[in-house]
């Protein structure tokens, strides 16, 4: 698969996730919709990272994650640095959202943490999405 094709597939998947995230947020009061949509977004985002890595490795290129971690110490372009940091924070946000969301669902506690994380998460996910077009 060509790098251009892989890039288009990845961008389409990321775009679907961003739209689905907003749909999931709009449906936050309907747990039967909110929870599966948000978990699906997390799964698709992780699958997208794996797809990017595997498509690069199958073409004989260095994987994006290993390339970025190696470049992190060697003066990477600012946009790539922002993308890397936002991507890491996005994963952290997903983990916190999943943990706090299930805690809220099961025990009814932690709504403030879940909401605060949601606001921060949306910001870093949008930064990750927008910077992905330039890296």
N, C-alpha and C. Protein backbone atom coordinates (compact mmCIF):
# COMPACT_ATOMS: atom_id res chain seq x y z
N UNK A 1 0.85 -1.17 0.00
CA UNK A 1 0.00 0.00 0.00
C UNK A 1 0.89 1.24 0.00
N UNK A 2 0.55 2.21 -0.81
CA UNK A 2 1.36 3.41 -0.91
C UNK A 2 1.21 4.28 0.33
N UNK A 3 2.21 5.10 0.62
CA UNK A 3 2.12 6.00 1.78
C UNK A 3 0.92 6.94 1.67
N UNK A 4 0.60 7.36 0.46
CA UNK A 4 -0.53 8.28 0.28
C UNK A 4 -1.85 7.59 0.63
N UNK A 5 -2.01 6.35 0.19
CA UNK A 5 -3.23 5.60 0.48
C UNK A 5 -3.36 5.37 1.99
N UNK A 6 -2.28 4.97 2.62
CA UNK A 6 -2.29 4.76 4.07
C UNK A 6 -2.64 6.04 4.80
N UNK A 7 -2.09 7.15 4.33
CA UNK A 7 -2.37 8.45 4.95
C UNK A 7 -3.85 8.82 4.83
N UNK A 8 -4.42 8.59 3.66
CA UNK A 8 -5.84 8.90 3.45
C UNK A 8 -6.72 8.03 4.35
N UNK A 9 -6.42 6.74 4.42
CA UNK A 9 -7.19 5.84 5.28
C UNK A 9 -7.10 6.30 6.74
N UNK A 10 -5.89 6.64 7.17
CA UNK A 10 -5.69 7.10 8.54
C UNK A 10 -6.45 8.39 8.82
N UNK A 11 -6.41 9.33 7.88
CA UNK A 11 -7.12 10.60 8.07
C UNK A 11 -8.63 10.40 8.09
N UNK A 12 -9.13 9.51 7.26
CA UNK A 12 -10.58 9.23 7.26
C UNK A 12 -10.98 8.62 8.61
N UNK A 13 -10.19 7.66 9.09
CA UNK A 13 -10.48 7.05 10.39
C UNK A 13 -10.46 8.10 11.50
N UNK A 14 -9.45 8.97 11.48
CA UNK A 14 -9.35 10.03 12.50
C UNK A 14 -10.54 10.99 12.41
N UNK A 15 -10.97 11.30 11.20
CA UNK A 15 -12.12 12.19 11.02
C UNK A 15 -13.40 11.56 11.54
N UNK A 16 -13.57 10.27 11.28
CA UNK A 16 -14.74 9.55 11.79
C UNK A 16 -14.73 9.56 13.32
N UNK A 17 -13.56 9.36 13.90
CA UNK A 17 -13.45 9.37 15.36
C UNK A 17 -13.83 10.73 15.92
N UNK A 18 -13.34 11.80 15.34
CA UNK A 18 -13.64 13.14 15.85
C UNK A 18 -15.15 13.40 15.79
N UNK A 19 -15.79 13.04 14.68
CA UNK A 19 -17.24 13.21 14.56
C UNK A 19 -17.96 12.34 15.60
N UNK A 20 -17.53 11.09 15.74
CA UNK A 20 -18.15 10.18 16.71
C UNK A 20 -17.95 10.66 18.14
N UNK A 21 -16.79 11.25 18.44
CA UNK A 21 -16.57 11.79 19.78
C UNK A 21 -17.59 12.88 20.10
N UNK A 22 -17.82 13.77 19.15
CA UNK A 22 -18.79 14.83 19.39
C UNK A 22 -20.20 14.26 19.51
N UNK A 23 -20.51 13.25 18.74
CA UNK A 23 -21.81 12.58 18.87
C UNK A 23 -21.92 11.95 20.26
N UNK A 24 -20.88 11.27 20.69
CA UNK A 24 -20.88 10.65 22.01
C UNK A 24 -21.03 11.67 23.12
N UNK A 25 -20.40 12.83 22.96
CA UNK A 25 -20.54 13.88 23.96
C UNK A 25 -21.97 14.42 23.97
N UNK A 26 -22.54 14.60 22.80
CA UNK A 26 -23.93 15.07 22.72
C UNK A 26 -24.89 14.08 23.39
N UNK A 27 -24.54 12.80 23.34
CA UNK A 27 -25.39 11.75 23.92
C UNK A 27 -24.93 11.35 25.33
N UNK A 28 -24.23 12.24 26.02
CA UNK A 28 -23.65 11.91 27.32
C UNK A 28 -24.70 11.52 28.37
N UNK A 29 -25.91 11.98 28.22
CA UNK A 29 -26.95 11.63 29.18
C UNK A 29 -27.60 10.27 28.88
N UNK A 30 -27.38 9.76 27.70
CA UNK A 30 -27.91 8.45 27.31
C UNK A 30 -26.77 7.44 27.36
N UNK A 31 -26.61 6.80 28.50
CA UNK A 31 -25.48 5.89 28.72
C UNK A 31 -25.43 4.75 27.72
N UNK A 32 -26.59 4.32 27.27
CA UNK A 32 -26.64 3.19 26.32
C UNK A 32 -25.99 3.57 24.98
N UNK A 33 -25.93 4.84 24.68
CA UNK A 33 -25.26 5.31 23.46
C UNK A 33 -23.87 5.83 23.78
N UNK A 34 -23.77 6.68 24.81
CA UNK A 34 -22.51 7.35 25.15
C UNK A 34 -21.35 6.38 25.39
N UNK A 35 -21.56 5.41 26.24
CA UNK A 35 -20.47 4.50 26.62
C UNK A 35 -19.94 3.70 25.43
N UNK A 36 -20.80 3.02 24.66
CA UNK A 36 -20.27 2.26 23.52
C UNK A 36 -19.61 3.13 22.45
N UNK A 37 -20.16 4.33 22.22
CA UNK A 37 -19.57 5.22 21.21
C UNK A 37 -18.18 5.65 21.65
N UNK A 38 -18.03 6.03 22.89
CA UNK A 38 -16.73 6.50 23.37
C UNK A 38 -15.70 5.36 23.41
N UNK A 39 -16.12 4.18 23.79
CA UNK A 39 -15.21 3.04 23.77
C UNK A 39 -14.81 2.70 22.34
N UNK A 40 -15.77 2.78 21.42
CA UNK A 40 -15.46 2.53 20.01
C UNK A 40 -14.46 3.55 19.48
N UNK A 41 -14.59 4.80 19.88
CA UNK A 41 -13.64 5.84 19.46
C UNK A 41 -12.23 5.49 19.94
N UNK A 42 -12.12 5.08 21.18
CA UNK A 42 -10.83 4.69 21.73
C UNK A 42 -10.25 3.52 20.93
N UNK A 43 -11.09 2.52 20.66
CA UNK A 43 -10.63 1.34 19.92
C UNK A 43 -10.19 1.71 18.50
N UNK A 44 -10.96 2.55 17.83
CA UNK A 44 -10.59 2.95 16.46
C UNK A 44 -9.31 3.77 16.47
N UNK A 45 -9.16 4.67 17.45
CA UNK A 45 -7.91 5.44 17.52
C UNK A 45 -6.71 4.53 17.75
N UNK A 46 -6.83 3.55 18.63
CA UNK A 46 -5.72 2.62 18.85
C UNK A 46 -5.45 1.78 17.60
N UNK A 47 -6.52 1.34 16.95
CA UNK A 47 -6.35 0.58 15.71
C UNK A 47 -5.69 1.43 14.63
N UNK A 48 -6.00 2.71 14.60
CA UNK A 48 -5.40 3.61 13.63
C UNK A 48 -3.90 3.75 13.87
N UNK A 49 -3.50 3.85 15.13
CA UNK A 49 -2.06 3.91 15.45
C UNK A 49 -1.37 2.63 14.99
N UNK A 50 -2.00 1.48 15.26
CA UNK A 50 -1.43 0.20 14.82
C UNK A 50 -1.36 0.13 13.30
N UNK A 51 -2.39 0.61 12.63
CA UNK A 51 -2.41 0.63 11.17
C UNK A 51 -1.26 1.48 10.62
N UNK A 52 -1.06 2.66 11.19
CA UNK A 52 0.03 3.54 10.75
C UNK A 52 1.37 2.84 10.94
N UNK A 53 1.56 2.24 12.11
CA UNK A 53 2.81 1.55 12.40
C UNK A 53 3.05 0.39 11.44
N UNK A 54 2.04 -0.45 11.28
CA UNK A 54 2.20 -1.63 10.42
C UNK A 54 2.38 -1.25 8.95
N UNK A 55 1.67 -0.24 8.48
CA UNK A 55 1.82 0.15 7.07
C UNK A 55 3.22 0.69 6.82
N UNK A 56 3.79 1.40 7.78
CA UNK A 56 5.17 1.88 7.62
C UNK A 56 6.17 0.73 7.66
N UNK A 57 5.97 -0.17 8.61
CA UNK A 57 6.90 -1.30 8.74
C UNK A 57 6.84 -2.21 7.52
N UNK A 58 5.64 -2.44 6.98
CA UNK A 58 5.50 -3.28 5.79
C UNK A 58 6.14 -2.66 4.56
N UNK A 59 6.29 -1.36 4.55
CA UNK A 59 6.97 -0.68 3.45
C UNK A 59 8.48 -0.60 3.70
N UNK A 60 8.92 -1.16 4.82
CA UNK A 60 10.35 -1.15 5.13
C UNK A 60 10.82 0.15 5.76
N UNK A 61 9.89 0.97 6.22
CA UNK A 61 10.24 2.22 6.87
C UNK A 61 10.24 2.03 8.38
N UNK A 62 10.87 2.97 9.05
CA UNK A 62 10.85 2.96 10.51
C UNK A 62 9.44 3.32 10.96
N UNK A 63 8.97 2.65 12.02
CA UNK A 63 7.64 2.94 12.55
C UNK A 63 7.55 4.37 13.07
N UNK A 64 6.37 4.95 12.99
CA UNK A 64 6.17 6.34 13.38
C UNK A 64 6.48 6.56 14.86
N UNK A 65 6.05 5.63 15.71
CA UNK A 65 6.28 5.79 17.15
C UNK A 65 7.76 5.70 17.47
N UNK A 66 8.44 4.69 16.91
CA UNK A 66 9.87 4.57 17.19
C UNK A 66 10.65 5.72 16.58
N UNK A 67 10.25 6.16 15.41
CA UNK A 67 10.91 7.31 14.76
C UNK A 67 10.73 8.56 15.61
N UNK A 68 9.53 8.78 16.08
CA UNK A 68 9.25 9.97 16.90
C UNK A 68 10.00 9.92 18.22
N UNK A 69 10.05 8.75 18.85
CA UNK A 69 10.75 8.65 20.13
C UNK A 69 12.25 8.84 19.95
N UNK A 70 12.78 8.38 18.83
CA UNK A 70 14.20 8.59 18.56
C UNK A 70 14.50 10.04 18.24
N UNK A 71 13.59 10.70 17.53
CA UNK A 71 13.78 12.09 17.16
C UNK A 71 13.52 13.05 18.31
N UNK A 72 12.78 12.58 19.31
CA UNK A 72 12.42 13.44 20.42
C UNK A 72 13.65 14.09 21.04
N UNK A 73 14.76 13.38 21.02
CA UNK A 73 15.99 13.90 21.60
C UNK A 73 16.84 14.65 20.58
N UNK A 74 16.48 14.56 19.31
CA UNK A 74 17.35 15.09 18.26
C UNK A 74 16.76 16.30 17.54
N UNK A 75 16.04 17.15 18.24
CA UNK A 75 15.53 18.37 17.64
C UNK A 75 14.49 18.16 16.56
N UNK A 76 13.32 17.71 16.91
CA UNK A 76 12.26 17.48 15.94
C UNK A 76 11.60 18.81 15.60
N UNK A 77 10.96 18.87 14.43
CA UNK A 77 10.20 20.08 14.09
C UNK A 77 9.11 20.34 15.13
N UNK A 78 8.81 21.59 15.37
CA UNK A 78 7.86 21.98 16.40
C UNK A 78 6.50 21.31 16.20
N UNK A 79 6.00 21.26 14.99
CA UNK A 79 4.68 20.68 14.74
C UNK A 79 4.66 19.20 15.09
N UNK A 80 5.74 18.49 14.80
CA UNK A 80 5.82 17.07 15.16
C UNK A 80 5.88 16.91 16.68
N UNK A 81 6.64 17.78 17.33
CA UNK A 81 6.74 17.73 18.80
C UNK A 81 5.36 17.95 19.42
N UNK A 82 4.63 18.95 18.94
CA UNK A 82 3.27 19.23 19.44
C UNK A 82 2.37 18.02 19.20
N UNK A 83 2.49 17.43 18.00
CA UNK A 83 1.67 16.26 17.66
C UNK A 83 1.98 15.08 18.60
N UNK A 84 3.24 14.84 18.87
CA UNK A 84 3.64 13.74 19.75
C UNK A 84 3.09 13.94 21.16
N UNK A 85 3.29 15.15 21.70
CA UNK A 85 2.81 15.44 23.05
C UNK A 85 1.29 15.33 23.12
N UNK A 86 0.60 15.90 22.13
CA UNK A 86 -0.87 15.83 22.11
C UNK A 86 -1.35 14.38 21.98
N UNK A 87 -0.64 13.57 21.19
CA UNK A 87 -1.02 12.16 21.02
C UNK A 87 -0.87 11.40 22.33
N UNK A 88 0.20 11.65 23.04
CA UNK A 88 0.41 11.00 24.34
C UNK A 88 -0.68 11.43 25.31
N UNK A 89 -0.98 12.73 25.34
CA UNK A 89 -2.02 13.23 26.23
C UNK A 89 -3.40 12.70 25.83
N UNK A 90 -3.61 12.46 24.55
CA UNK A 90 -4.87 11.88 24.09
C UNK A 90 -5.04 10.47 24.67
N UNK A 91 -4.00 9.67 24.62
CA UNK A 91 -4.08 8.32 25.18
C UNK A 91 -4.32 8.38 26.68
N UNK A 92 -3.61 9.28 27.37
CA UNK A 92 -3.83 9.46 28.81
C UNK A 92 -5.28 9.86 29.06
N UNK A 93 -5.79 10.78 28.24
CA UNK A 93 -7.18 11.22 28.38
C UNK A 93 -8.16 10.09 28.18
N UNK A 94 -7.91 9.23 27.21
CA UNK A 94 -8.78 8.07 26.99
C UNK A 94 -8.77 7.16 28.22
N UNK A 95 -7.60 6.92 28.78
CA UNK A 95 -7.49 6.03 29.94
C UNK A 95 -8.24 6.63 31.13
N UNK A 96 -8.03 7.92 31.39
CA UNK A 96 -8.72 8.58 32.50
C UNK A 96 -10.23 8.59 32.26
N UNK A 97 -10.64 8.86 31.03
CA UNK A 97 -12.07 8.88 30.71
C UNK A 97 -12.70 7.51 30.92
N UNK A 98 -12.00 6.47 30.50
CA UNK A 98 -12.53 5.11 30.66
C UNK A 98 -12.64 4.76 32.13
N UNK A 99 -11.58 5.03 32.88
CA UNK A 99 -11.58 4.72 34.31
C UNK A 99 -12.64 5.53 35.05
N UNK A 100 -12.65 6.84 34.83
CA UNK A 100 -13.61 7.68 35.56
C UNK A 100 -15.03 7.45 35.08
N UNK A 101 -15.19 7.12 33.80
CA UNK A 101 -16.52 6.86 33.27
C UNK A 101 -17.13 5.59 33.85
N UNK A 102 -16.35 4.54 33.92
CA UNK A 102 -16.87 3.31 34.51
C UNK A 102 -17.12 3.48 36.01
N UNK A 103 -16.26 4.25 36.65
CA UNK A 103 -16.45 4.55 38.08
C UNK A 103 -17.75 5.33 38.28
N UNK A 104 -17.98 6.31 37.44
CA UNK A 104 -19.21 7.10 37.51
C UNK A 104 -20.42 6.22 37.22
N UNK A 105 -20.32 5.38 36.22
CA UNK A 105 -21.43 4.51 35.84
C UNK A 105 -21.76 3.50 36.94
N UNK A 106 -20.74 2.89 37.51
CA UNK A 106 -20.97 1.83 38.49
C UNK A 106 -21.28 2.34 39.89
N UNK A 107 -20.57 3.42 40.31
CA UNK A 107 -20.70 3.87 41.70
C UNK A 107 -21.30 5.26 41.83
N UNK A 108 -21.47 5.94 40.70
CA UNK A 108 -22.08 7.27 40.75
C UNK A 108 -21.18 8.35 41.31
N UNK A 109 -19.87 8.12 41.30
CA UNK A 109 -18.94 9.13 41.84
C UNK A 109 -17.93 9.55 40.76
N UNK A 110 -17.41 10.76 40.93
CA UNK A 110 -16.35 11.23 40.05
C UNK A 110 -16.82 12.01 38.83
N UNK A 111 -18.04 12.55 38.88
CA UNK A 111 -18.56 13.29 37.73
C UNK A 111 -17.69 14.51 37.40
N UNK A 112 -17.21 15.22 38.42
CA UNK A 112 -16.38 16.41 38.16
C UNK A 112 -15.08 16.04 37.46
N UNK A 113 -14.44 14.97 37.90
CA UNK A 113 -13.22 14.50 37.25
C UNK A 113 -13.50 14.10 35.81
N UNK A 114 -14.58 13.36 35.59
CA UNK A 114 -14.92 12.90 34.25
C UNK A 114 -15.17 14.09 33.33
N UNK A 115 -15.88 15.10 33.80
CA UNK A 115 -16.15 16.29 32.98
C UNK A 115 -14.88 17.10 32.72
N UNK A 116 -14.08 17.29 33.76
CA UNK A 116 -12.83 18.06 33.58
C UNK A 116 -11.92 17.35 32.58
N UNK A 117 -11.82 16.04 32.70
CA UNK A 117 -11.02 15.28 31.75
C UNK A 117 -11.59 15.40 30.35
N UNK A 118 -12.92 15.39 30.23
CA UNK A 118 -13.56 15.50 28.91
C UNK A 118 -13.17 16.80 28.23
N UNK A 119 -13.20 17.90 28.96
CA UNK A 119 -12.82 19.19 28.37
C UNK A 119 -11.36 19.18 27.90
N UNK A 120 -10.47 18.71 28.77
CA UNK A 120 -9.05 18.66 28.42
C UNK A 120 -8.84 17.69 27.25
N UNK A 121 -9.52 16.55 27.31
CA UNK A 121 -9.39 15.54 26.26
C UNK A 121 -9.80 16.09 24.90
N UNK A 122 -10.93 16.78 24.84
CA UNK A 122 -11.40 17.32 23.56
C UNK A 122 -10.36 18.27 22.97
N UNK A 123 -9.77 19.09 23.81
CA UNK A 123 -8.75 20.03 23.33
C UNK A 123 -7.55 19.28 22.76
N UNK A 124 -7.00 18.32 23.52
CA UNK A 124 -5.81 17.62 23.03
C UNK A 124 -6.12 16.72 21.85
N UNK A 125 -7.33 16.15 21.80
CA UNK A 125 -7.69 15.31 20.65
C UNK A 125 -7.81 16.16 19.39
N UNK A 126 -8.35 17.36 19.52
CA UNK A 126 -8.44 18.26 18.36
C UNK A 126 -7.05 18.74 17.92
N UNK A 127 -6.16 18.94 18.87
CA UNK A 127 -4.77 19.30 18.52
C UNK A 127 -4.11 18.14 17.80
N UNK A 128 -4.31 16.93 18.31
CA UNK A 128 -3.76 15.74 17.65
C UNK A 128 -4.30 15.62 16.23
N UNK A 129 -5.60 15.79 16.09
CA UNK A 129 -6.24 15.68 14.77
C UNK A 129 -5.72 16.74 13.81
N UNK A 130 -5.68 17.98 14.25
CA UNK A 130 -5.26 19.05 13.34
C UNK A 130 -3.79 18.97 12.98
N UNK A 131 -2.94 18.59 13.91
CA UNK A 131 -1.52 18.48 13.61
C UNK A 131 -1.20 17.26 12.75
N UNK A 132 -2.08 16.26 12.76
CA UNK A 132 -1.83 15.05 11.97
C UNK A 132 -1.77 15.34 10.48
N UNK A 133 -2.38 16.42 10.05
CA UNK A 133 -2.36 16.78 8.63
C UNK A 133 -1.00 17.35 8.19
N UNK A 134 -0.16 17.71 9.16
CA UNK A 134 1.11 18.36 8.85
C UNK A 134 2.33 17.51 9.16
N UNK A 135 2.12 16.33 9.75
CA UNK A 135 3.27 15.48 10.08
C UNK A 135 3.34 14.27 9.18
